[in-house]
C-alpha atoms as a PDB file:
ATOM      1  CA  MET A   1       0.000   0.000   0.000  1.00  0.00           C
ATOM      2  CA  THR A   2       1.527   3.336  -1.000  1.00  0.00           C
ATOM      3  CA  GLY A   3      -1.352   5.552  -1.970  1.00  0.00           C
ATOM      4  CA  PRO A   4      -3.294   7.567  -2.043  1.00  0.00           C
ATOM      5  CA  HIS A   5      -5.747   5.145  -0.454  1.00  0.00           C
ATOM      6  CA  ARG A   6      -9.194   5.777   0.915  1.00  0.00           C
ATOM      7  CA  LEU A   7     -10.832   4.045   3.852  1.00  0.00           C
ATOM      8  CA  SER A   8     -14.409   4.192   5.067  1.00  0.00           C
ATOM      9  CA  VAL A   9     -14.608   4.128   8.875  1.00  0.00           C
ATOM     10  CA  SER A  10     -17.350   4.098  11.471  1.00  0.00           C
ATOM     11  CA  GLY A  11     -17.360   6.152  14.653  1.00  0.00           C
ATOM     12  CA  MET A  12     -15.829   9.320  13.207  1.00  0.00           C
ATOM     13  CA  ASP A  13     -18.479  11.962  13.865  1.00  0.00           C
ATOM     14  CA  CYS A  14     -16.756  15.308  14.509  1.00  0.00           C
ATOM     15  CA  GLY A  15     -13.601  17.378  14.171  1.00  0.00           C
ATOM     16  CA  ARG A  16     -12.163  15.894  17.341  1.00  0.00           C
ATOM     17  CA  CYS A  17     -12.668  12.426  15.840  1.00  0.00           C
ATOM     18  CA  GLU A  18     -10.905  13.537  12.661  1.00  0.00           C
ATOM     19  CA  ARG A  19      -7.898  14.701  14.670  1.00  0.00           C
ATOM     20  CA  ALA A  20      -7.801  11.458  16.688  1.00  0.00           C
ATOM     21  CA  ALA A  21      -7.912   9.343  13.514  1.00  0.00           C
ATOM     22  CA  VAL A  22      -5.178  11.401  11.842  1.00  0.00           C
ATOM     23  CA  ALA A  23      -2.960  11.299  14.931  1.00  0.00           C
ATOM     24  CA  GLY A  24      -3.434   7.543  15.296  1.00  0.00           C
ATOM     25  CA  LEU A  25      -2.474   6.883  11.699  1.00  0.00           C
ATOM     26  CA  LYS A  26       0.462   9.295  11.678  1.00  0.00           C
ATOM     27  CA  ALA A  27       1.921   7.283  14.564  1.00  0.00           C
ATOM     28  CA  VAL A  28       2.210   4.253  12.246  1.00  0.00           C
ATOM     29  CA  PRO A  29       5.728   4.081  10.766  1.00  0.00           C
ATOM     30  CA  GLY A  30       5.630   4.672   7.024  1.00  0.00           C
ATOM     31  CA  VAL A  31       2.440   6.745   6.924  1.00  0.00           C
ATOM     32  CA  ALA A  32       3.363   9.952   5.105  1.00  0.00           C
ATOM     33  CA  LYS A  33       0.122  11.905   4.763  1.00  0.00           C
ATOM     34  CA  VAL A  34      -3.364  11.542   6.252  1.00  0.00           C
ATOM     35  CA  SER A  35      -6.585  13.490   5.981  1.00  0.00           C
ATOM     36  CA  ALA A  36      -9.974  12.677   7.501  1.00  0.00           C
ATOM     37  CA  HIS A  37     -13.489  13.897   6.729  1.00  0.00           C
ATOM     38  CA  ALA A  38     -16.022  13.169   9.478  1.00  0.00           C
ATOM     39  CA  PRO A  39     -19.229  13.930   7.521  1.00  0.00           C
ATOM     40  CA  THR A  40     -18.430  11.158   5.020  1.00  0.00           C
ATOM     41  CA  GLY A  41     -16.477   8.889   7.384  1.00  0.00           C
ATOM     42  CA  ARG A  42     -13.604   8.799   4.895  1.00  0.00           C
ATOM     43  CA  ILE A  43      -9.867   8.804   5.463  1.00  0.00           C
ATOM     44  CA  THR A  44      -7.317   9.375   2.701  1.00  0.00           C
ATOM     45  CA  LEU A  45      -3.706   8.381   3.286  1.00  0.00           C
ATOM     46  CA  THR A  46      -0.401   7.973   1.525  1.00  0.00           C
ATOM     47  CA  CYS A  47       2.427   5.760   2.740  1.00  0.00           C
ATOM     48  CA  ASP A  48       6.152   5.958   2.075  1.00  0.00           C
ATOM     49  CA  SER A  49       6.313   2.244   1.262  1.00  0.00           C
ATOM     50  CA  ALA A  50       4.150  -0.845   1.111  1.00  0.00           C
ATOM     51  CA  MET A  51       2.033  -1.069   4.253  1.00  0.00           C
ATOM     52  CA  ASP A  52       0.080  -3.853   5.857  1.00  0.00           C
ATOM     53  CA  ASP A  53      -3.633  -3.017   6.183  1.00  0.00           C
ATOM     54  CA  GLY A  54      -3.566  -4.690   9.600  1.00  0.00           C
ATOM     55  CA  ALA A  55      -1.309  -1.986  11.063  1.00  0.00           C
ATOM     56  CA  LEU A  56      -3.664   0.733   9.832  1.00  0.00           C
ATOM     57  CA  ARG A  57      -6.757  -1.070  11.132  1.00  0.00           C
ATOM     58  CA  GLU A  58      -5.084  -1.588  14.509  1.00  0.00           C
ATOM     59  CA  ALA A  59      -4.111   2.092  14.789  1.00  0.00           C
ATOM     60  CA  LEU A  60      -7.655   3.173  13.992  1.00  0.00           C
ATOM     61  CA  ALA A  61      -9.112   0.642  16.447  1.00  0.00           C
ATOM     62  CA  ARG A  62      -6.875   2.044  19.212  1.00  0.00           C
ATOM     63  CA  ALA A  63      -8.231   5.507  18.363  1.00  0.00           C
ATOM     64  CA  GLY A  64     -11.811   4.178  18.632  1.00  0.00           C
ATOM     65  CA  PHE A  65     -12.754   3.608  14.993  1.00  0.00           C
ATOM     66  CA  THR A  66     -13.603   0.609  12.833  1.00  0.00           C
ATOM     67  CA  VAL A  67     -12.514   0.291   9.197  1.00  0.00           C
ATOM     68  CA  LEU A  68     -15.544  -0.699   7.156  1.00  0.00           C
ATOM     69  CA  ARG A  69     -13.855  -1.050   3.776  1.00  0.00           C
ATOM     70  CA  ARG A  70     -11.409   0.428   1.298  1.00  0.00           C
ATOM     71  CA  VAL A  71     -13.076   2.799  -1.136  1.00  0.00           C
END
C-alpha cells in the first residue's frame, strides 16, 4: 500500500474524531500523509512504502474507529 488510499470508517463523527484518527495513523511508521473527513467517514492516506492493512486497522481501532472497507 503506497497511496493515495481511501478508507471508510465508522465512529468518526466530529472534528475531534478527525484529529484522533489522523494522529493515530500518523503514529504508524511509514504513513506519510493523512486526511480525515467526518461527515463522510472517509480517510485518505499515503504511505512511504508498502504497508500492511492490519497496522492501519489496529491504529484506527486504538483511536476508537472501525474500518468498514477500502473505497
